[in-house]
Amino acid sequence: MRFMMIVKSNERSGLPPKPLIDAIGKLSEEATKAGTMVGSGGLGPTALGARVRLSRGEISVIDGPFAEAKEVVGGYAQFELTSKEEAIKSAVKFMELHKQLWPGWEGETEVRQMFGPEDFPCNG
């Protein structure tokens, strides 16, 4: 089963401390070697981004930063795991690193199962 881990926090938290980045790097390397991590990455600030929105039949582009955003997606990882429980265990381990190495940081890791074309019956 493939899972997406989506890390959300207040954008004003700033950059993570180096010991946390190093620990996440080690954790990622272990998961990649084990064949469970499919991909991962951190995301730049919303000031460097844009939103493309479809509303009332019109497409608009809104440049960042996004003032109304209280929490933003700061990073993600994709895993191939055997169960939702295993995915949650992985997310808890990741958040434990934040608790230990970035005191005062607050955020969440959302765990979502991913689906591919093979998961949807063809309408034919």
PDB file of N, CA and C in Angstrom:
ATOM      1  N   MET A   1       0.847  -1.174   0.000  1.00  0.00           N
ATOM      2  CA  MET A   1       0.000   0.000   0.000  1.00  0.00           C
ATOM      3  C   MET A   1       0.894   1.239   0.000  1.00  0.00           C
ATOM      4  N   ARG A   2       0.540   2.191  -0.827  1.00  0.00           N
ATOM      5  CA  ARG A   2       1.330   3.413  -0.895  1.00  0.00           C
ATOM      6  C   ARG A   2       0.662   4.493  -0.052  1.00  0.00           C
ATOM      7  N   PHE A   3       1.493   5.224   0.705  1.00  0.00           N
ATOM      8  CA  PHE A   3       1.006   6.292   1.573  1.00  0.00           C
ATOM      9  C   PHE A   3       1.774   7.573   1.316  1.00  0.00           C
ATOM     10  N   MET A   4       1.078   8.696   1.439  1.00  0.00           N
ATOM     11  CA  MET A   4       1.686  10.018   1.373  1.00  0.00           C
ATOM     12  C   MET A   4       1.655  10.595   2.777  1.00  0.00           C
ATOM     13  N   MET A   5       2.796  11.067   3.236  1.00  0.00           N
ATOM     14  CA  MET A   5       2.892  11.782   4.509  1.00  0.00           C
ATOM     15  C   MET A   5       3.040  13.258   4.164  1.00  0.00           C
ATOM     16  N   ILE A   6       2.139  14.080   4.662  1.00  0.00           N
ATOM     17  CA  ILE A   6       2.129  15.502   4.358  1.00  0.00           C
ATOM     18  C   ILE A   6       2.386  16.263   5.659  1.00  0.00           C
ATOM     19  N   VAL A   7       3.497  16.983   5.709  1.00  0.00           N
ATOM     20  CA  VAL A   7       3.889  17.701   6.925  1.00  0.00           C
ATOM     21  C   VAL A   7       3.395  19.135   6.829  1.00  0.00           C
ATOM     22  N   LYS A   8       2.636  19.554   7.842  1.00  0.00           N
ATOM     23  CA  LYS A   8       2.066  20.899   7.873  1.00  0.00           C
ATOM     24  C   LYS A   8       2.518  21.615   9.145  1.00  0.00           C
ATOM     25  N   SER A   9       2.794  22.904   8.998  1.00  0.00           N
ATOM     26  CA  SER A   9       3.138  23.712  10.169  1.00  0.00           C
ATOM     27  C   SER A   9       2.924  25.180   9.824  1.00  0.00           C
ATOM     28  N   ASN A  10       3.125  26.023  10.819  1.00  0.00           N
ATOM     29  CA  ASN A  10       3.050  27.461  10.611  1.00  0.00           C
ATOM     30  C   ASN A  10       4.284  27.874   9.826  1.00  0.00           C
ATOM     31  N   GLU A  11       4.089  28.596   8.746  1.00  0.00           N
ATOM     32  CA  GLU A  11       5.214  28.994   7.905  1.00  0.00           C
ATOM     33  C   GLU A  11       6.212  29.882   8.651  1.00  0.00           C
ATOM     34  N   ARG A  12       5.765  30.531   9.685  1.00  0.00           N
ATOM     35  CA  ARG A  12       6.638  31.425  10.456  1.00  0.00           C
ATOM     36  C   ARG A  12       7.601  30.663  11.367  1.00  0.00           C
ATOM     37  N   SER A  13       7.532  29.335  11.372  1.00  0.00           N
ATOM     38  CA  SER A  13       8.421  28.530  12.212  1.00  0.00           C
ATOM     39  C   SER A  13       9.877  28.674  11.796  1.00  0.00           C
ATOM     40  N   GLY A  14      10.109  29.051  10.555  1.00  0.00           N
ATOM     41  CA  GLY A  14      11.473  29.209  10.069  1.00  0.00           C
ATOM     42  C   GLY A  14      12.062  27.889   9.604  1.00  0.00           C
ATOM     43  N   LEU A  15      13.357  27.915   9.372  1.00  0.00           N
ATOM     44  CA  LEU A  15      14.053  26.713   8.909  1.00  0.00           C
ATOM     45  C   LEU A  15      14.332  25.774  10.076  1.00  0.00           C
ATOM     46  N   PRO A  16      14.266  24.465   9.822  1.00  0.00           N
ATOM     47  CA  PRO A  16      14.552  23.509  10.894  1.00  0.00           C
ATOM     48  C   PRO A  16      16.019  23.577  11.314  1.00  0.00           C
ATOM     49  N   PRO A  17      16.308  23.257  12.572  1.00  0.00           N
ATOM     50  CA  PRO A  17      17.698  23.231  13.027  1.00  0.00           C
ATOM     51  C   PRO A  17      18.483  22.113  12.327  1.00  0.00           C
ATOM     52  N   LYS A  18      19.792  22.317  12.165  1.00  0.00           N
ATOM     53  CA  LYS A  18      20.646  21.363  11.473  1.00  0.00           C
ATOM     54  C   LYS A  18      20.582  19.955  12.080  1.00  0.00           C
ATOM     55  N   PRO A  19      20.591  19.797  13.413  1.00  0.00           N
ATOM     56  CA  PRO A  19      20.498  18.426  13.947  1.00  0.00           C
ATOM     57  C   PRO A  19      19.231  17.693  13.493  1.00  0.00           C
ATOM     58  N   LEU A  20      18.126  18.422  13.331  1.00  0.00           N
ATOM     59  CA  LEU A  20      16.892  17.801  12.850  1.00  0.00           C
ATOM     60  C   LEU A  20      17.040  17.422  11.383  1.00  0.00           C
ATOM     61  N   ILE A  21      17.593  18.301  10.579  1.00  0.00           N
ATOM     62  CA  ILE A  21      17.797  17.999   9.156  1.00  0.00           C
ATOM     63  C   ILE A  21      18.687  16.765   9.011  1.00  0.00           C
ATOM     64  N   ASP A  22      19.739  16.691   9.815  1.00  0.00           N
ATOM     65  CA  ASP A  22      20.639  15.534   9.773  1.00  0.00           C
ATOM     66  C   ASP A  22      19.914  14.248  10.173  1.00  0.00           C
ATOM     67  N   ALA A  23      19.098  14.325  11.219  1.00  0.00           N
ATOM     68  CA  ALA A  23      18.359  13.148  11.692  1.00  0.00           C
ATOM     69  C   ALA A  23      17.330  12.691  10.664  1.00  0.00           C
ATOM     70  N   ILE A  24      16.656  13.636  10.025  1.00  0.00           N
ATOM     71  CA  ILE A  24      15.689  13.297   8.980  1.00  0.00           C
ATOM     72  C   ILE A  24      16.417  12.676   7.789  1.00  0.00           C
ATOM     73  N   GLY A  25      17.589  13.213   7.468  1.00  0.00           N
ATOM     74  CA  GLY A  25      18.396  12.646   6.390  1.00  0.00           C
ATOM     75  C   GLY A  25      18.763  11.201   6.657  1.00  0.00           C
ATOM     76  N   LYS A  26      19.156  10.907   7.882  1.00  0.00           N
ATOM     77  CA  LYS A  26      19.503   9.531   8.265  1.00  0.00           C
ATOM     78  C   LYS A  26      18.276   8.629   8.192  1.00  0.00           C
ATOM     79  N   LEU A  27      17.148   9.107   8.722  1.00  0.00           N
ATOM     80  CA  LEU A  27      15.907   8.342   8.693  1.00  0.00           C
ATOM     81  C   LEU A  27      15.484   8.069   7.248  1.00  0.00           C
ATOM     82  N   SER A  28      15.601   9.070   6.393  1.00  0.00           N
ATOM     83  CA  SER A  28      15.243   8.916   4.981  1.00  0.00           C
ATOM     84  C   SER A  28      16.162   7.917   4.281  1.00  0.00           C
ATOM     85  N   GLU A  29      17.445   7.994   4.579  1.00  0.00           N
ATOM     86  CA  GLU A  29      18.404   7.069   3.976  1.00  0.00           C
ATOM     87  C   GLU A  29      18.090   5.622   4.368  1.00  0.00           C
ATOM     88  N   GLU A  30      17.768   5.410   5.636  1.00  0.00           N
ATOM     89  CA  GLU A  30      17.413   4.068   6.112  1.00  0.00           C
ATOM     90  C   GLU A  30      16.158   3.554   5.421  1.00  0.00           C
ATOM     91  N   ALA A  31      15.150   4.412   5.293  1.00  0.00           N
ATOM     92  CA  ALA A  31      13.886   4.002   4.662  1.00  0.00           C
ATOM     93  C   ALA A  31      14.076   3.733   3.173  1.00  0.00           C
ATOM     94  N   THR A  32      14.937   4.508   2.526  1.00  0.00           N
ATOM     95  CA  THR A  32      15.213   4.295   1.103  1.00  0.00           C
ATOM     96  C   THR A  32      15.935   2.962   0.909  1.00  0.00           C
ATOM     97  N   LYS A  33      16.946   2.696   1.738  1.00  0.00           N
ATOM     98  CA  LYS A  33      17.681   1.424   1.652  1.00  0.00           C
ATOM     99  C   LYS A  33      16.768   0.243   1.920  1.00  0.00           C
ATOM    100  N   ALA A  34      15.801   0.413   2.823  1.00  0.00           N
ATOM    101  CA  ALA A  34      14.853  -0.663   3.146  1.00  0.00           C
ATOM    102  C   ALA A  34      13.798  -0.836   2.049  1.00  0.00           C
ATOM    103  N   GLY A  35      13.740   0.121   1.125  1.00  0.00           N
ATOM    104  CA  GLY A  35      12.782   0.046   0.035  1.00  0.00           C
ATOM    105  C   GLY A  35      11.390   0.518   0.394  1.00  0.00           C
ATOM    106  N   THR A  36      11.240   1.193   1.544  1.00  0.00           N
ATOM    107  CA  THR A  36       9.912   1.654   1.947  1.00  0.00           C
ATOM    108  C   THR A  36       9.636   3.092   1.527  1.00  0.00           C
ATOM    109  N   MET A  37      10.686   3.922   1.408  1.00  0.00           N
ATOM    110  CA  MET A  37      10.476   5.310   0.983  1.00  0.00           C
ATOM    111  C   MET A  37      10.612   5.396  -0.527  1.00  0.00           C
ATOM    112  N   VAL A  38       9.563   5.918  -1.156  1.00  0.00           N
ATOM    113  CA  VAL A  38       9.525   6.052  -2.601  1.00  0.00           C
ATOM    114  C   VAL A  38      10.082   7.411  -3.027  1.00  0.00           C
ATOM    115  N   GLY A  39       9.812   8.452  -2.253  1.00  0.00           N
ATOM    116  CA  GLY A  39      10.283   9.791  -2.562  1.00  0.00           C
ATOM    117  C   GLY A  39       9.955  10.738  -1.435  1.00  0.00           C
ATOM    118  N   SER A  40      10.656  11.881  -1.384  1.00  0.00           N
ATOM    119  CA  SER A  40      10.390  12.869  -0.336  1.00  0.00           C
ATOM    120  C   SER A  40      10.954  14.210  -0.752  1.00  0.00           C
ATOM    121  N   GLY A  41      10.570  15.243  -0.016  1.00  0.00           N
ATOM    122  CA  GLY A  41      11.129  16.560  -0.264  1.00  0.00           C
ATOM    123  C   GLY A  41      10.516  17.615   0.627  1.00  0.00           C
ATOM    124  N   GLY A  42      11.256  18.679   0.806  1.00  0.00           N
ATOM    125  CA  GLY A  42      10.752  19.837   1.521  1.00  0.00           C
ATOM    126  C   GLY A  42      10.268  20.842   0.498  1.00  0.00           C
ATOM    127  N   LEU A  43       9.363  21.700   0.900  1.00  0.00           N
ATOM    128  CA  LEU A  43       8.808  22.696  -0.004  1.00  0.00           C
ATOM    129  C   LEU A  43       9.267  24.090   0.400  1.00  0.00           C
ATOM    130  N   GLY A  44       9.511  24.919  -0.602  1.00  0.00           N
ATOM    131  CA  GLY A  44       9.916  26.292  -0.351  1.00  0.00           C
ATOM    132  C   GLY A  44       8.772  27.096   0.239  1.00  0.00           C
ATOM    133  N   PRO A  45       9.062  28.324   0.676  1.00  0.00           N
ATOM    134  CA  PRO A  45       8.025  29.164   1.268  1.00  0.00           C
ATOM    135  C   PRO A  45       6.962  29.560   0.245  1.00  0.00           C
ATOM    136  N   THR A  46       5.785  29.883   0.741  1.00  0.00           N
ATOM    137  CA  THR A  46       4.686  30.263  -0.152  1.00  0.00           C
ATOM    138  C   THR A  46       5.016  31.524  -0.945  1.00  0.00           C
ATOM    139  N   ALA A  47       5.931  32.346  -0.447  1.00  0.00           N
ATOM    140  CA  ALA A  47       6.318  33.561  -1.173  1.00  0.00           C
ATOM    141  C   ALA A  47       6.904  33.221  -2.540  1.00  0.00           C
ATOM    142  N   LEU A  48       7.446  32.032  -2.691  1.00  0.00           N
ATOM    143  CA  LEU A  48       8.031  31.609  -3.964  1.00  0.00           C
ATOM    144  C   LEU A  48       7.036  30.850  -4.838  1.00  0.00           C
ATOM    145  N   GLY A  49       5.820  30.647  -4.336  1.00  0.00           N
ATOM    146  CA  GLY A  49       4.846  29.820  -5.035  1.00  0.00           C
ATOM    147  C   GLY A  49       3.725  30.608  -5.688  1.00  0.00           C
ATOM    148  N   ALA A  50       2.790  29.869  -6.222  1.00  0.00           N
ATOM    149  CA  ALA A  50       1.590  30.439  -6.841  1.00  0.00           C
ATOM    150  C   ALA A  50       0.474  29.410  -6.711  1.00  0.00           C
ATOM    151  N   ARG A  51      -0.738  29.880  -6.770  1.00  0.00           N
ATOM    152  CA  ARG A  51      -1.909  29.010  -6.806  1.00  0.00           C
ATOM    153  C   ARG A  51      -2.637  29.247  -8.119  1.00  0.00           C
ATOM    154  N   VAL A  52      -3.025  28.176  -8.753  1.00  0.00           N
ATOM    155  CA  VAL A  52      -3.833  28.259  -9.965  1.00  0.00           C
ATOM    156  C   VAL A  52      -5.213  27.753  -9.572  1.00  0.00           C
ATOM    157  N   ARG A  53      -6.201  28.614  -9.656  1.00  0.00           N
ATOM    158  CA  ARG A  53      -7.533  28.321  -9.123  1.00  0.00           C
ATOM    159  C   ARG A  53      -8.569  28.344 -10.236  1.00  0.00           C
ATOM    160  N   LEU A  54      -9.500  27.390 -10.175  1.00  0.00           N
ATOM    161  CA  LEU A  54     -10.669  27.369 -11.061  1.00  0.00           C
ATOM    162  C   LEU A  54     -11.879  27.662 -10.192  1.00  0.00           C
ATOM    163  N   SER A  55     -12.555  28.762 -10.465  1.00  0.00           N
ATOM    164  CA  SER A  55     -13.717  29.160  -9.689  1.00  0.00           C
ATOM    165  C   SER A  55     -14.711  29.845 -10.615  1.00  0.00           C
ATOM    166  N   ARG A  56     -15.960  29.387 -10.575  1.00  0.00           N
ATOM    167  CA  ARG A  56     -17.030  29.951 -11.405  1.00  0.00           C
ATOM    168  C   ARG A  56     -16.661  29.953 -12.886  1.00  0.00           C
ATOM    169  N   GLY A  57     -15.974  28.913 -13.311  1.00  0.00           N
ATOM    170  CA  GLY A  57     -15.614  28.763 -14.711  1.00  0.00           C
ATOM    171  C   GLY A  57     -14.416  29.582 -15.161  1.00  0.00           C
ATOM    172  N   GLU A  58     -13.779  30.282 -14.240  1.00  0.00           N
ATOM    173  CA  GLU A  58     -12.628  31.125 -14.581  1.00  0.00           C
ATOM    174  C   GLU A  58     -11.372  30.586 -13.893  1.00  0.00           C
ATOM    175  N   ILE A  59     -10.255  30.623 -14.619  1.00  0.00           N
ATOM    176  CA  ILE A  59      -8.966  30.222 -14.055  1.00  0.00           C
ATOM    177  C   ILE A  59      -8.194  31.484 -13.702  1.00  0.00           C
ATOM    178  N   SER A  60      -7.662  31.507 -12.477  1.00  0.00           N
ATOM    179  CA  SER A  60      -6.851  32.649 -12.048  1.00  0.00           C
ATOM    180  C   SER A  60      -5.551  32.136 -11.433  1.00  0.00           C
ATOM    181  N   VAL A  61      -4.543  32.983 -11.459  1.00  0.00           N
ATOM    182  CA  VAL A  61      -3.244  32.669 -10.865  1.00  0.00           C
ATOM    183  C   VAL A  61      -2.997  33.680  -9.758  1.00  0.00           C
ATOM    184  N   ILE A  62      -2.710  33.171  -8.558  1.00  0.00           N
ATOM    185  CA  ILE A  62      -2.452  34.023  -7.406  1.00  0.00           C
ATOM    186  C   ILE A  62      -1.025  33.755  -6.962  1.00  0.00           C
ATOM    187  N   ASP A  63      -0.177  34.788  -6.988  1.00  0.00           N
ATOM    188  CA  ASP A  63       1.199  34.644  -6.535  1.00  0.00           C
ATOM    189  C   ASP A  63       1.252  34.654  -5.015  1.00  0.00           C
ATOM    190  N   GLY A  64       2.197  33.893  -4.454  1.00  0.00           N
ATOM    191  CA  GLY A  64       2.415  33.881  -3.023  1.00  0.00           C
ATOM    192  C   GLY A  64       3.125  35.157  -2.593  1.00  0.00           C
ATOM    193  N   PRO A  65       3.220  35.418  -1.307  1.00  0.00           N
ATOM    194  CA  PRO A  65       2.761  34.543  -0.226  1.00  0.00           C
ATOM    195  C   PRO A  65       1.248  34.612  -0.054  1.00  0.00           C
ATOM    196  N   PHE A  66       0.723  33.628   0.631  1.00  0.00           N
ATOM    197  CA  PHE A  66      -0.718  33.513   0.810  1.00  0.00           C
ATOM    198  C   PHE A  66      -1.073  33.932   2.231  1.00  0.00           C
ATOM    199  N   ALA A  67      -1.551  35.164   2.376  1.00  0.00           N
ATOM    200  CA  ALA A  67      -1.807  35.754   3.692  1.00  0.00           C
ATOM    201  C   ALA A  67      -2.794  34.936   4.512  1.00  0.00           C
ATOM    202  N   GLU A  68      -3.780  34.321   3.858  1.00  0.00           N
ATOM    203  CA  GLU A  68      -4.821  33.603   4.606  1.00  0.00           C
ATOM    204  C   GLU A  68      -4.365  32.239   5.106  1.00  0.00           C
ATOM    205  N   ALA A  69      -3.180  31.784   4.677  1.00  0.00           N
ATOM    206  CA  ALA A  69      -2.707  30.457   5.067  1.00  0.00           C
ATOM    207  C   ALA A  69      -2.146  30.490   6.486  1.00  0.00           C
ATOM    208  N   LYS A  70      -2.788  29.771   7.396  1.00  0.00           N
ATOM    209  CA  LYS A  70      -2.276  29.662   8.763  1.00  0.00           C
ATOM    210  C   LYS A  70      -1.267  28.533   8.852  1.00  0.00           C
ATOM    211  N   GLU A  71      -1.594  27.398   8.248  1.00  0.00           N
ATOM    212  CA  GLU A  71      -0.668  26.268   8.169  1.00  0.00           C
ATOM    213  C   GLU A  71      -0.436  25.971   6.703  1.00  0.00           C
ATOM    214  N   VAL A  72       0.786  25.625   6.377  1.00  0.00           N
ATOM    215  CA  VAL A  72       1.118  25.292   5.003  1.00  0.00           C
ATOM    216  C   VAL A  72       1.812  23.936   4.960  1.00  0.00           C
ATOM    217  N   VAL A  73       1.770  23.310   3.807  1.00  0.00           N
ATOM    218  CA  VAL A  73       2.494  22.068   3.602  1.00  0.00           C
ATOM    219  C   VAL A  73       3.965  22.432   3.453  1.00  0.00           C
ATOM    220  N   GLY A  74       4.791  21.866   4.321  1.00  0.00           N
ATOM    221  CA  GLY A  74       6.208  22.178   4.306  1.00  0.00           C
ATOM    222  C   GLY A  74       7.057  21.069   3.716  1.00  0.00           C
ATOM    223  N   GLY A  75       6.478  19.876   3.613  1.00  0.00           N
ATOM    224  CA  GLY A  75       7.228  18.753   3.067  1.00  0.00           C
ATOM    225  C   GLY A  75       6.336  17.552   2.893  1.00  0.00           C
ATOM    226  N   TYR A  76       6.883  16.527   2.256  1.00  0.00           N
ATOM    227  CA  TYR A  76       6.112  15.323   1.991  1.00  0.00           C
ATOM    228  C   TYR A  76       7.050  14.133   1.870  1.00  0.00           C
ATOM    229  N   ALA A  77       6.496  12.969   1.979  1.00  0.00           N
ATOM    230  CA  ALA A  77       7.222  11.725   1.698  1.00  0.00           C
ATOM    231  C   ALA A  77       6.209  10.692   1.238  1.00  0.00           C
ATOM    232  N   GLN A  78       6.640   9.847   0.332  1.00  0.00           N
ATOM    233  CA  GLN A  78       5.811   8.736  -0.144  1.00  0.00           C
ATOM    234  C   GLN A  78       6.450   7.438   0.325  1.00  0.00           C
ATOM    235  N   PHE A  79       5.617   6.556   0.852  1.00  0.00           N
ATOM    236  CA  PHE A  79       6.100   5.279   1.362  1.00  0.00           C
ATOM    237  C   PHE A  79       5.305   4.128   0.772  1.00  0.00           C
ATOM    238  N   GLU A  80       5.953   3.008   0.629  1.00  0.00           N
ATOM    239  CA  GLU A  80       5.302   1.743   0.280  1.00  0.00           C
ATOM    240  C   GLU A  80       5.348   0.908   1.555  1.00  0.00           C
ATOM    241  N   LEU A  81       4.193   0.754   2.205  1.00  0.00           N
ATOM    242  CA  LEU A  81       4.116   0.082   3.496  1.00  0.00           C
ATOM    243  C   LEU A  81       2.990  -0.952   3.475  1.00  0.00           C
ATOM    244  N   THR A  82       2.977  -1.801   4.497  1.00  0.00           N
ATOM    245  CA  THR A  82       2.012  -2.897   4.498  1.00  0.00           C
ATOM    246  C   THR A  82       0.640  -2.528   5.038  1.00  0.00           C
ATOM    247  N   SER A  83       0.555  -1.419   5.821  1.00  0.00           N
ATOM    248  CA  SER A  83      -0.728  -1.095   6.444  1.00  0.00           C
ATOM    249  C   SER A  83      -0.770   0.370   6.886  1.00  0.00           C
ATOM    250  N   LYS A  84      -1.963   0.838   7.177  1.00  0.00           N
ATOM    251  CA  LYS A  84      -2.148   2.177   7.725  1.00  0.00           C
ATOM    252  C   LYS A  84      -1.446   2.281   9.079  1.00  0.00           C
ATOM    253  N   GLU A  85      -1.492   1.218   9.855  1.00  0.00           N
ATOM    254  CA  GLU A  85      -0.861   1.216  11.171  1.00  0.00           C
ATOM    255  C   GLU A  85       0.652   1.424  11.044  1.00  0.00           C
ATOM    256  N   GLU A  86       1.265   0.758  10.064  1.00  0.00           N
ATOM    257  CA  GLU A  86       2.697   0.934   9.842  1.00  0.00           C
ATOM    258  C   GLU A  86       3.001   2.369   9.403  1.00  0.00           C
ATOM    259  N   ALA A  87       2.125   2.951   8.586  1.00  0.00           N
ATOM    260  CA  ALA A  87       2.300   4.330   8.146  1.00  0.00           C
ATOM    261  C   ALA A  87       2.215   5.295   9.328  1.00  0.00           C
ATOM    262  N   ILE A  88       1.259   5.079  10.213  1.00  0.00           N
ATOM    263  CA  ILE A  88       1.119   5.933  11.395  1.00  0.00           C
ATOM    264  C   ILE A  88       2.344   5.804  12.291  1.00  0.00           C
ATOM    265  N   LYS A  89       2.837   4.596  12.458  1.00  0.00           N
ATOM    266  CA  LYS A  89       4.038   4.370  13.269  1.00  0.00           C
ATOM    267  C   LYS A  89       5.222   5.154  12.689  1.00  0.00           C
ATOM    268  N   SER A  90       5.350   5.161  11.378  1.00  0.00           N
ATOM    269  CA  SER A  90       6.413   5.903  10.707  1.00  0.00           C
ATOM    270  C   SER A  90       6.257   7.406  10.943  1.00  0.00           C
ATOM    271  N   ALA A  91       5.036   7.911  10.854  1.00  0.00           N
ATOM    272  CA  ALA A  91       4.780   9.335  11.078  1.00  0.00           C
ATOM    273  C   ALA A  91       5.078   9.727  12.521  1.00  0.00           C
ATOM    274  N   VAL A  92       4.737   8.870  13.477  1.00  0.00           N
ATOM    275  CA  VAL A  92       5.017   9.156  14.891  1.00  0.00           C
ATOM    276  C   VAL A  92       6.534   9.235  15.107  1.00  0.00           C
ATOM    277  N   LYS A  93       7.286   8.335  14.516  1.00  0.00           N
ATOM    278  CA  LYS A  93       8.751   8.352  14.636  1.00  0.00           C
ATOM    279  C   LYS A  93       9.315   9.662  14.090  1.00  0.00           C
ATOM    280  N   PHE A  94       8.796  10.104  12.951  1.00  0.00           N
ATOM    281  CA  PHE A  94       9.213  11.364  12.338  1.00  0.00           C
ATOM    282  C   PHE A  94       8.907  12.546  13.259  1.00  0.00           C
ATOM    283  N   MET A  95       7.706  12.557  13.835  1.00  0.00           N
ATOM    284  CA  MET A  95       7.316  13.659  14.712  1.00  0.00           C
ATOM    285  C   MET A  95       8.100  13.630  16.030  1.00  0.00           C
ATOM    286  N   GLU A  96       8.488  12.445  16.483  1.00  0.00           N
ATOM    287  CA  GLU A  96       9.328  12.336  17.687  1.00  0.00           C
ATOM    288  C   GLU A  96      10.661  13.053  17.476  1.00  0.00           C
ATOM    289  N   LEU A  97      11.212  12.958  16.260  1.00  0.00           N
ATOM    290  CA  LEU A  97      12.450  13.684  15.956  1.00  0.00           C
ATOM    291  C   LEU A  97      12.232  15.186  16.103  1.00  0.00           C
ATOM    292  N   HIS A  98      11.104  15.688  15.615  1.00  0.00           N
ATOM    293  CA  HIS A  98      10.796  17.111  15.751  1.00  0.00           C
ATOM    294  C   HIS A  98      10.669  17.506  17.227  1.00  0.00           C
ATOM    295  N   LYS A  99       9.991  16.676  17.997  1.00  0.00           N
ATOM    296  CA  LYS A  99       9.803  16.956  19.422  1.00  0.00           C
ATOM    297  C   LYS A  99      11.150  17.039  20.134  1.00  0.00           C
ATOM    298  N   GLN A 100      12.028  16.116  19.788  1.00  0.00           N
ATOM    299  CA  GLN A 100      13.335  16.042  20.448  1.00  0.00           C
ATOM    300  C   GLN A 100      14.289  17.136  19.976  1.00  0.00           C
ATOM    301  N   LEU A 101      14.314  17.414  18.672  1.00  0.00           N
ATOM    302  CA  LEU A 101      15.362  18.251  18.106  1.00  0.00           C
ATOM    303  C   LEU A 101      14.925  19.674  17.723  1.00  0.00           C
ATOM    304  N   TRP A 102      13.618  19.971  17.844  1.00  0.00           N
ATOM    305  CA  TRP A 102      13.131  21.320  17.554  1.00  0.00           C
ATOM    306  C   TRP A 102      12.107  21.705  18.621  1.00  0.00           C
ATOM    307  N   PRO A 103      12.569  21.916  19.863  1.00  0.00           N
ATOM    308  CA  PRO A 103      11.655  22.245  20.953  1.00  0.00           C
ATOM    309  C   PRO A 103      10.783  23.456  20.611  1.00  0.00           C
ATOM    310  N   GLY A 104       9.509  23.340  20.903  1.00  0.00           N
ATOM    311  CA  GLY A 104       8.569  24.432  20.655  1.00  0.00           C
ATOM    312  C   GLY A 104       7.904  24.394  19.286  1.00  0.00           C
ATOM    313  N   TRP A 105       8.455  23.587  18.355  1.00  0.00           N
ATOM    314  CA  TRP A 105       7.840  23.492  17.029  1.00  0.00           C
ATOM    315  C   TRP A 105       6.494  22.796  17.155  1.00  0.00           C
ATOM    316  N   GLU A 106       5.522  23.271  16.408  1.00  0.00           N
ATOM    317  CA  GLU A 106       4.208  22.642  16.387  1.00  0.00           C
ATOM    318  C   GLU A 106       3.789  22.419  14.944  1.00  0.00           C
ATOM    319  N   GLY A 107       3.206  21.281  14.690  1.00  0.00           N
ATOM    320  CA  GLY A 107       2.734  20.950  13.356  1.00  0.00           C
ATOM    321  C   GLY A 107       2.104  19.577  13.355  1.00  0.00           C
ATOM    322  N   GLU A 108       1.865  19.057  12.176  1.00  0.00           N
ATOM    323  CA  GLU A 108       1.253  17.739  12.059  1.00  0.00           C
ATOM    324  C   GLU A 108       1.746  17.045  10.806  1.00  0.00           C
ATOM    325  N   THR A 109       1.693  15.737  10.847  1.00  0.00           N
ATOM    326  CA  THR A 109       1.937  14.926   9.657  1.00  0.00           C
ATOM    327  C   THR A 109       0.642  14.203   9.338  1.00  0.00           C
ATOM    328  N   GLU A 110       0.086  14.531   8.197  1.00  0.00           N
ATOM    329  CA  GLU A 110      -1.147  13.884   7.739  1.00  0.00           C
ATOM    330  C   GLU A 110      -0.765  12.630   6.960  1.00  0.00           C
ATOM    331  N   VAL A 111      -1.392  11.513   7.295  1.00  0.00           N
ATOM    332  CA  VAL A 111      -1.126  10.230   6.647  1.00  0.00           C
ATOM    333  C   VAL A 111      -2.296   9.911   5.730  1.00  0.00           C
ATOM    334  N   ARG A 112      -2.019   9.747   4.426  1.00  0.00           N
ATOM    335  CA  ARG A 112      -3.086   9.480   3.456  1.00  0.00           C
ATOM    336  C   ARG A 112      -2.680   8.341   2.544  1.00  0.00           C
ATOM    337  N   GLN A 113      -3.574   7.386   2.369  1.00  0.00           N
ATOM    338  CA  GLN A 113      -3.327   6.321   1.415  1.00  0.00           C
ATOM    339  C   GLN A 113      -3.428   6.888   0.006  1.00  0.00           C
ATOM    340  N   MET A 114      -2.544   6.442  -0.871  1.00  0.00           N
ATOM    341  CA  MET A 114      -2.541   6.907  -2.261  1.00  0.00           C
ATOM    342  C   MET A 114      -3.199   5.858  -3.150  1.00  0.00           C
ATOM    343  N   PHE A 115      -3.794   6.320  -4.226  1.00  0.00           N
ATOM    344  CA  PHE A 115      -4.418   5.438  -5.198  1.00  0.00           C
ATOM    345  C   PHE A 115      -3.846   5.731  -6.572  1.00  0.00           C
ATOM    346  N   GLY A 116      -3.755   4.702  -7.375  1.00  0.00           N
ATOM    347  CA  GLY A 116      -3.296   4.849  -8.755  1.00  0.00           C
ATOM    348  C   GLY A 116      -4.397   4.437  -9.704  1.00  0.00           C
ATOM    349  N   PRO A 117      -4.128   4.502 -11.005  1.00  0.00           N
ATOM    350  CA  PRO A 117      -5.139   4.141 -11.996  1.00  0.00           C
ATOM    351  C   PRO A 117      -5.672   2.719 -11.816  1.00  0.00           C
ATOM    352  N   GLU A 118      -4.819   1.847 -11.307  1.00  0.00           N
ATOM    353  CA  GLU A 118      -5.245   0.460 -11.107  1.00  0.00           C
ATOM    354  C   GLU A 118      -6.309   0.309 -10.022  1.00  0.00           C
ATOM    355  N   ASP A 119      -6.506   1.353  -9.216  1.00  0.00           N
ATOM    356  CA  ASP A 119      -7.490   1.299  -8.141  1.00  0.00           C
ATOM    357  C   ASP A 119      -8.883   1.730  -8.580  1.00  0.00           C
ATOM    358  N   PHE A 120      -9.025   2.187  -9.808  1.00  0.00           N
ATOM    359  CA  PHE A 120     -10.313   2.643 -10.303  1.00  0.00           C
ATOM    360  C   PHE A 120     -10.746   1.799 -11.498  1.00  0.00           C
ATOM    361  N   PRO A 121     -11.946   1.251 -11.449  1.00  0.00           N
ATOM    362  CA  PRO A 121     -12.407   0.441 -12.586  1.00  0.00           C
ATOM    363  C   PRO A 121     -12.578   1.316 -13.832  1.00  0.00           C
ATOM    364  N   CYS A 122     -12.240   0.765 -14.941  1.00  0.00           N
ATOM    365  CA  CYS A 122     -12.351   1.490 -16.213  1.00  0.00           C
ATOM    366  C   CYS A 122     -13.826   1.554 -16.614  1.00  0.00           C
ATOM    367  N   ASN A 123     -14.270   2.734 -16.964  1.00  0.00           N
ATOM    368  CA  ASN A 123     -15.655   2.880 -17.472  1.00  0.00           C
ATOM    369  C   ASN A 123     -15.628   2.602 -18.955  1.00  0.00           C
ATOM    370  N   GLY A 124     -16.151   1.472 -19.350  1.00  0.00           N
ATOM    371  CA  GLY A 124     -16.044   1.201 -20.745  1.00  0.00           C
ATOM    372  C   GLY A 124     -17.174   0.490 -21.274  1.00  0.00           C
TER     373      GLY A 124
END
